[in-house]
Amino acid sequence: MQAVGVVGGLPPEGWNRLGTKILPKLRMGSELKIGLDISVSVAGDAAAGLAAELRQILQELGLGQTVRVD
């Protein structure tokens, strides 16, 4: 078996297309792994609230143990 990877930045406009066009193609292989690296700049006083909201959403999605908010 040979590994094939996809690496690079993706603007918000492309997120849905990635999920509908690229991911199904990758699922035809085995051992598919997807990483996540997202960052955004917000005002200092809003950062703590946003982080708390994101943690809550991740918990609701069942991802609280595998994805962290820094």
PDB file of N, CA and C in Angstrom:
ATOM      1  N   MET A   1       0.842  -1.188   0.000  1.00  0.00           N
ATOM      2  CA  MET A   1       0.000   0.000   0.000  1.00  0.00           C
ATOM      3  C   MET A   1       0.875   1.234   0.000  1.00  0.00           C
ATOM      4  N   GLN A   2       0.372   2.289  -0.593  1.00  0.00           N
ATOM      5  CA  GLN A   2       1.086   3.555  -0.640  1.00  0.00           C
ATOM      6  C   GLN A   2       0.189   4.658  -0.104  1.00  0.00           C
ATOM      7  N   ALA A   3       0.754   5.537   0.726  1.00  0.00           N
ATOM      8  CA  ALA A   3      -0.020   6.625   1.323  1.00  0.00           C
ATOM      9  C   ALA A   3      -0.114   7.804   0.361  1.00  0.00           C
ATOM     10  N   VAL A   4      -1.274   8.450   0.351  1.00  0.00           N
ATOM     11  CA  VAL A   4      -1.509   9.680  -0.406  1.00  0.00           C
ATOM     12  C   VAL A   4      -2.001  10.717   0.583  1.00  0.00           C
ATOM     13  N   GLY A   5      -1.406  11.900   0.583  1.00  0.00           N
ATOM     14  CA  GLY A   5      -1.808  12.951   1.519  1.00  0.00           C
ATOM     15  C   GLY A   5      -2.276  14.195   0.796  1.00  0.00           C
ATOM     16  N   VAL A   6      -3.060  14.993   1.475  1.00  0.00           N
ATOM     17  CA  VAL A   6      -3.533  16.275   0.961  1.00  0.00           C
ATOM     18  C   VAL A   6      -3.197  17.308   2.029  1.00  0.00           C
ATOM     19  N   VAL A   7      -2.413  18.340   1.682  1.00  0.00           N
ATOM     20  CA  VAL A   7      -1.960  19.324   2.653  1.00  0.00           C
ATOM     21  C   VAL A   7      -2.102  20.715   2.070  1.00  0.00           C
ATOM     22  N   GLY A   8      -2.523  21.683   2.882  1.00  0.00           N
ATOM     23  CA  GLY A   8      -2.576  23.069   2.431  1.00  0.00           C
ATOM     24  C   GLY A   8      -3.656  23.852   3.144  1.00  0.00           C
ATOM     25  N   GLY A   9      -3.716  25.120   2.865  1.00  0.00           N
ATOM     26  CA  GLY A   9      -4.734  25.985   3.447  1.00  0.00           C
ATOM     27  C   GLY A   9      -6.019  25.927   2.642  1.00  0.00           C
ATOM     28  N   LEU A  10      -7.109  26.259   3.286  1.00  0.00           N
ATOM     29  CA  LEU A  10      -8.409  26.201   2.622  1.00  0.00           C
ATOM     30  C   LEU A  10      -9.265  27.372   3.084  1.00  0.00           C
ATOM     31  N   PRO A  11      -9.699  28.242   2.161  1.00  0.00           N
ATOM     32  CA  PRO A  11     -10.560  29.357   2.559  1.00  0.00           C
ATOM     33  C   PRO A  11     -11.949  28.842   2.935  1.00  0.00           C
ATOM     34  N   PRO A  12     -12.662  29.595   3.749  1.00  0.00           N
ATOM     35  CA  PRO A  12     -13.998  29.157   4.182  1.00  0.00           C
ATOM     36  C   PRO A  12     -14.928  28.753   3.037  1.00  0.00           C
ATOM     37  N   GLU A  13     -14.798  29.404   1.884  1.00  0.00           N
ATOM     38  CA  GLU A  13     -15.677  29.085   0.759  1.00  0.00           C
ATOM     39  C   GLU A  13     -15.475  27.658   0.254  1.00  0.00           C
ATOM     40  N   GLY A  14     -14.357  27.049   0.556  1.00  0.00           N
ATOM     41  CA  GLY A  14     -14.070  25.708   0.057  1.00  0.00           C
ATOM     42  C   GLY A  14     -14.362  24.585   1.021  1.00  0.00           C
ATOM     43  N   TRP A  15     -14.752  24.893   2.246  1.00  0.00           N
ATOM     44  CA  TRP A  15     -14.947  23.849   3.257  1.00  0.00           C
ATOM     45  C   TRP A  15     -15.993  22.825   2.856  1.00  0.00           C
ATOM     46  N   ASN A  16     -17.145  23.271   2.391  1.00  0.00           N
ATOM     47  CA  ASN A  16     -18.201  22.331   2.007  1.00  0.00           C
ATOM     48  C   ASN A  16     -17.798  21.478   0.811  1.00  0.00           C
ATOM     49  N   ARG A  17     -17.130  22.107  -0.144  1.00  0.00           N
ATOM     50  CA  ARG A  17     -16.682  21.348  -1.322  1.00  0.00           C
ATOM     51  C   ARG A  17     -15.684  20.266  -0.933  1.00  0.00           C
ATOM     52  N   LEU A  18     -14.825  20.566   0.018  1.00  0.00           N
ATOM     53  CA  LEU A  18     -13.875  19.560   0.499  1.00  0.00           C
ATOM     54  C   LEU A  18     -14.633  18.351   1.058  1.00  0.00           C
ATOM     55  N   GLY A  19     -15.670  18.634   1.832  1.00  0.00           N
ATOM     56  CA  GLY A  19     -16.451  17.559   2.436  1.00  0.00           C
ATOM     57  C   GLY A  19     -17.258  16.749   1.444  1.00  0.00           C
ATOM     58  N   THR A  20     -17.657  17.366   0.344  1.00  0.00           N
ATOM     59  CA  THR A  20     -18.491  16.639  -0.617  1.00  0.00           C
ATOM     60  C   THR A  20     -17.715  16.055  -1.789  1.00  0.00           C
ATOM     61  N   LYS A  21     -16.532  16.600  -2.086  1.00  0.00           N
ATOM     62  CA  LYS A  21     -15.778  16.139  -3.252  1.00  0.00           C
ATOM     63  C   LYS A  21     -14.521  15.336  -2.899  1.00  0.00           C
ATOM     64  N   ILE A  22     -13.744  15.823  -1.946  1.00  0.00           N
ATOM     65  CA  ILE A  22     -12.455  15.197  -1.636  1.00  0.00           C
ATOM     66  C   ILE A  22     -12.588  14.054  -0.629  1.00  0.00           C
ATOM     67  N   LEU A  23     -13.271  14.292   0.473  1.00  0.00           N
ATOM     68  CA  LEU A  23     -13.357  13.261   1.520  1.00  0.00           C
ATOM     69  C   LEU A  23     -13.971  11.947   1.036  1.00  0.00           C
ATOM     70  N   PRO A  24     -15.033  11.970   0.234  1.00  0.00           N
ATOM     71  CA  PRO A  24     -15.552  10.684  -0.256  1.00  0.00           C
ATOM     72  C   PRO A  24     -14.518   9.905  -1.073  1.00  0.00           C
ATOM     73  N   LYS A  25     -13.702  10.601  -1.843  1.00  0.00           N
ATOM     74  CA  LYS A  25     -12.653   9.920  -2.616  1.00  0.00           C
ATOM     75  C   LYS A  25     -11.631   9.276  -1.687  1.00  0.00           C
ATOM     76  N   LEU A  26     -11.274   9.976  -0.615  1.00  0.00           N
ATOM     77  CA  LEU A  26     -10.282   9.452   0.313  1.00  0.00           C
ATOM     78  C   LEU A  26     -10.806   8.268   1.121  1.00  0.00           C
ATOM     79  N   ARG A  27     -12.109   8.200   1.305  1.00  0.00           N
ATOM     80  CA  ARG A  27     -12.694   7.103   2.092  1.00  0.00           C
ATOM     81  C   ARG A  27     -12.590   5.764   1.382  1.00  0.00           C
ATOM     82  N   MET A  28     -12.267   5.758   0.096  1.00  0.00           N
ATOM     83  CA  MET A  28     -12.144   4.493  -0.620  1.00  0.00           C
ATOM     84  C   MET A  28     -10.900   3.729  -0.181  1.00  0.00           C
ATOM     85  N   GLY A  29      -9.953   4.428   0.465  1.00  0.00           N
ATOM     86  CA  GLY A  29      -8.770   3.772   1.003  1.00  0.00           C
ATOM     87  C   GLY A  29      -9.026   3.305   2.422  1.00  0.00           C
ATOM     88  N   SER A  30      -7.981   2.925   3.093  1.00  0.00           N
ATOM     89  CA  SER A  30      -8.110   2.514   4.489  1.00  0.00           C
ATOM     90  C   SER A  30      -7.269   3.429   5.370  1.00  0.00           C
ATOM     91  N   GLU A  31      -7.554   3.434   6.628  1.00  0.00           N
ATOM     92  CA  GLU A  31      -6.811   4.208   7.627  1.00  0.00           C
ATOM     93  C   GLU A  31      -6.814   5.709   7.332  1.00  0.00           C
ATOM     94  N   LEU A  32      -7.948   6.251   6.945  1.00  0.00           N
ATOM     95  CA  LEU A  32      -8.081   7.688   6.695  1.00  0.00           C
ATOM     96  C   LEU A  32      -7.969   8.432   8.023  1.00  0.00           C
ATOM     97  N   LYS A  33      -7.095   9.437   8.061  1.00  0.00           N
ATOM     98  CA  LYS A  33      -6.921  10.281   9.243  1.00  0.00           C
ATOM     99  C   LYS A  33      -7.037  11.733   8.796  1.00  0.00           C
ATOM    100  N   ILE A  34      -7.754  12.525   9.574  1.00  0.00           N
ATOM    101  CA  ILE A  34      -7.929  13.934   9.269  1.00  0.00           C
ATOM    102  C   ILE A  34      -7.527  14.738  10.493  1.00  0.00           C
ATOM    103  N   GLY A  35      -6.677  15.741  10.298  1.00  0.00           N
ATOM    104  CA  GLY A  35      -6.276  16.636  11.377  1.00  0.00           C
ATOM    105  C   GLY A  35      -7.027  17.952  11.261  1.00  0.00           C
ATOM    106  N   LEU A  36      -6.915  18.768  12.288  1.00  0.00           N
ATOM    107  CA  LEU A  36      -7.646  20.029  12.296  1.00  0.00           C
ATOM    108  C   LEU A  36      -6.748  21.110  12.878  1.00  0.00           C
ATOM    109  N   ASP A  37      -6.605  22.216  12.172  1.00  0.00           N
ATOM    110  CA  ASP A  37      -5.815  23.349  12.634  1.00  0.00           C
ATOM    111  C   ASP A  37      -6.529  24.613  12.173  1.00  0.00           C
ATOM    112  N   ILE A  38      -7.271  25.238  13.085  1.00  0.00           N
ATOM    113  CA  ILE A  38      -8.068  26.423  12.759  1.00  0.00           C
ATOM    114  C   ILE A  38      -7.655  27.548  13.700  1.00  0.00           C
ATOM    115  N   SER A  39      -7.510  28.761  13.170  1.00  0.00           N
ATOM    116  CA  SER A  39      -7.224  29.906  14.038  1.00  0.00           C
ATOM    117  C   SER A  39      -8.013  31.113  13.558  1.00  0.00           C
ATOM    118  N   VAL A  40      -8.327  31.990  14.496  1.00  0.00           N
ATOM    119  CA  VAL A  40      -9.045  33.222  14.185  1.00  0.00           C
ATOM    120  C   VAL A  40      -8.588  34.286  15.181  1.00  0.00           C
ATOM    121  N   SER A  41      -8.552  35.531  14.758  1.00  0.00           N
ATOM    122  CA  SER A  41      -8.206  36.639  15.643  1.00  0.00           C
ATOM    123  C   SER A  41      -9.489  37.327  16.086  1.00  0.00           C
ATOM    124  N   VAL A  42      -9.616  37.517  17.394  1.00  0.00           N
ATOM    125  CA  VAL A  42     -10.778  38.217  17.961  1.00  0.00           C
ATOM    126  C   VAL A  42     -10.283  39.195  19.014  1.00  0.00           C
ATOM    127  N   ALA A  43     -11.124  40.163  19.363  1.00  0.00           N
ATOM    128  CA  ALA A  43     -10.769  41.124  20.401  1.00  0.00           C
ATOM    129  C   ALA A  43     -10.503  40.385  21.710  1.00  0.00           C
ATOM    130  N   GLY A  44      -9.568  40.875  22.482  1.00  0.00           N
ATOM    131  CA  GLY A  44      -9.161  40.222  23.722  1.00  0.00           C
ATOM    132  C   GLY A  44     -10.301  39.897  24.662  1.00  0.00           C
ATOM    133  N   ASP A  45     -11.245  40.821  24.807  1.00  0.00           N
ATOM    134  CA  ASP A  45     -12.345  40.584  25.740  1.00  0.00           C
ATOM    135  C   ASP A  45     -13.348  39.568  25.217  1.00  0.00           C
ATOM    136  N   ALA A  46     -13.336  39.265  23.935  1.00  0.00           N
ATOM    137  CA  ALA A  46     -14.264  38.284  23.358  1.00  0.00           C
ATOM    138  C   ALA A  46     -13.649  36.885  23.279  1.00  0.00           C
ATOM    139  N   ALA A  47     -12.342  36.787  23.408  1.00  0.00           N
ATOM    140  CA  ALA A  47     -11.651  35.509  23.212  1.00  0.00           C
ATOM    141  C   ALA A  47     -12.086  34.440  24.210  1.00  0.00           C
ATOM    142  N   ALA A  48     -12.180  34.785  25.474  1.00  0.00           N
ATOM    143  CA  ALA A  48     -12.545  33.791  26.487  1.00  0.00           C
ATOM    144  C   ALA A  48     -13.956  33.253  26.257  1.00  0.00           C
ATOM    145  N   GLY A  49     -14.881  34.139  25.915  1.00  0.00           N
ATOM    146  CA  GLY A  49     -16.256  33.708  25.656  1.00  0.00           C
ATOM    147  C   GLY A  49     -16.355  32.818  24.431  1.00  0.00           C
ATOM    148  N   LEU A  50     -15.639  33.182  23.380  1.00  0.00           N
ATOM    149  CA  LEU A  50     -15.650  32.373  22.165  1.00  0.00           C
ATOM    150  C   LEU A  50     -15.061  30.996  22.437  1.00  0.00           C
ATOM    151  N   ALA A  51     -13.962  30.952  23.175  1.00  0.00           N
ATOM    152  CA  ALA A  51     -13.333  29.670  23.495  1.00  0.00           C
ATOM    153  C   ALA A  51     -14.293  28.775  24.286  1.00  0.00           C
ATOM    154  N   ALA A  52     -15.007  29.351  25.231  1.00  0.00           N
ATOM    155  CA  ALA A  52     -15.970  28.578  26.022  1.00  0.00           C
ATOM    156  C   ALA A  52     -17.097  28.049  25.135  1.00  0.00           C
ATOM    157  N   GLU A  53     -17.590  28.873  24.228  1.00  0.00           N
ATOM    158  CA  GLU A  53     -18.646  28.432  23.310  1.00  0.00           C
ATOM    159  C   GLU A  53     -18.160  27.294  22.415  1.00  0.00           C
ATOM    160  N   LEU A  54     -16.946  27.422  21.913  1.00  0.00           N
ATOM    161  CA  LEU A  54     -16.398  26.374  21.054  1.00  0.00           C
ATOM    162  C   LEU A  54     -16.235  25.057  21.810  1.00  0.00           C
ATOM    163  N   ARG A  55     -15.770  25.137  23.051  1.00  0.00           N
ATOM    164  CA  ARG A  55     -15.644  23.916  23.865  1.00  0.00           C
ATOM    165  C   ARG A  55     -17.006  23.244  24.064  1.00  0.00           C
ATOM    166  N   GLN A  56     -18.032  24.048  24.316  1.00  0.00           N
ATOM    167  CA  GLN A  56     -19.378  23.510  24.503  1.00  0.00           C
ATOM    168  C   GLN A  56     -19.875  22.825  23.228  1.00  0.00           C
ATOM    169  N   ILE A  57     -19.655  23.443  22.098  1.00  0.00           N
ATOM    170  CA  ILE A  57     -20.080  22.871  20.821  1.00  0.00           C
ATOM    171  C   ILE A  57     -19.353  21.556  20.569  1.00  0.00           C
ATOM    172  N   LEU A  58     -18.049  21.525  20.832  1.00  0.00           N
ATOM    173  CA  LEU A  58     -17.284  20.292  20.648  1.00  0.00           C
ATOM    174  C   LEU A  58     -17.809  19.180  21.545  1.00  0.00           C
ATOM    175  N   GLN A  59     -18.172  19.523  22.782  1.00  0.00           N
ATOM    176  CA  GLN A  59     -18.766  18.529  23.697  1.00  0.00           C
ATOM    177  C   GLN A  59     -20.069  17.986  23.105  1.00  0.00           C
ATOM    178  N   GLU A  60     -20.926  18.879  22.616  1.00  0.00           N
ATOM    179  CA  GLU A  60     -22.206  18.477  22.040  1.00  0.00           C
ATOM    180  C   GLU A  60     -22.017  17.580  20.815  1.00  0.00           C
ATOM    181  N   LEU A  61     -20.944  17.805  20.078  1.00  0.00           N
ATOM    182  CA  LEU A  61     -20.653  16.992  18.893  1.00  0.00           C
ATOM    183  C   LEU A  61     -19.929  15.695  19.235  1.00  0.00           C
ATOM    184  N   GLY A  62     -19.623  15.506  20.512  1.00  0.00           N
ATOM    185  CA  GLY A  62     -18.906  14.309  20.923  1.00  0.00           C
ATOM    186  C   GLY A  62     -17.421  14.369  20.612  1.00  0.00           C
ATOM    187  N   LEU A  63     -16.896  15.570  20.437  1.00  0.00           N
ATOM    188  CA  LEU A  63     -15.491  15.739  20.071  1.00  0.00           C
ATOM    189  C   LEU A  63     -14.662  16.370  21.190  1.00  0.00           C
ATOM    190  N   GLY A  64     -15.256  16.561  22.344  1.00  0.00           N
ATOM    191  CA  GLY A  64     -14.583  17.234  23.440  1.00  0.00           C
ATOM    192  C   GLY A  64     -13.328  16.527  23.922  1.00  0.00           C
ATOM    193  N   GLN A  65     -13.224  15.234  23.713  1.00  0.00           N
ATOM    194  CA  GLN A  65     -12.052  14.490  24.166  1.00  0.00           C
ATOM    195  C   GLN A  65     -10.952  14.407  23.101  1.00  0.00           C
ATOM    196  N   THR A  66     -11.287  14.701  21.844  1.00  0.00           N
ATOM    197  CA  THR A  66     -10.309  14.542  20.776  1.00  0.00           C
ATOM    198  C   THR A  66      -9.879  15.853  20.119  1.00  0.00           C
ATOM    199  N   VAL A  67     -10.640  16.923  20.327  1.00  0.00           N
ATOM    200  CA  VAL A  67     -10.306  18.227  19.756  1.00  0.00           C
ATOM    201  C   VAL A  67     -10.254  19.230  20.901  1.00  0.00           C
ATOM    202  N   ARG A  68      -9.189  20.013  20.971  1.00  0.00           N
ATOM    203  CA  ARG A  68      -9.062  20.993  22.066  1.00  0.00           C
ATOM    204  C   ARG A  68      -9.100  22.407  21.514  1.00  0.00           C
ATOM    205  N   VAL A  69      -9.486  23.339  22.352  1.00  0.00           N
ATOM    206  CA  VAL A  69      -9.502  24.764  22.016  1.00  0.00           C
ATOM    207  C   VAL A  69      -8.399  25.422  22.848  1.00  0.00           C
ATOM    208  N   ASP A  70      -7.475  26.083  22.179  1.00  0.00           N
ATOM    209  CA  ASP A  70      -6.369  26.759  22.881  1.00  0.00           C
ATOM    210  C   ASP A  70      -6.659  28.226  23.019  1.00  0.00           C
TER     211      ASP A  70
END
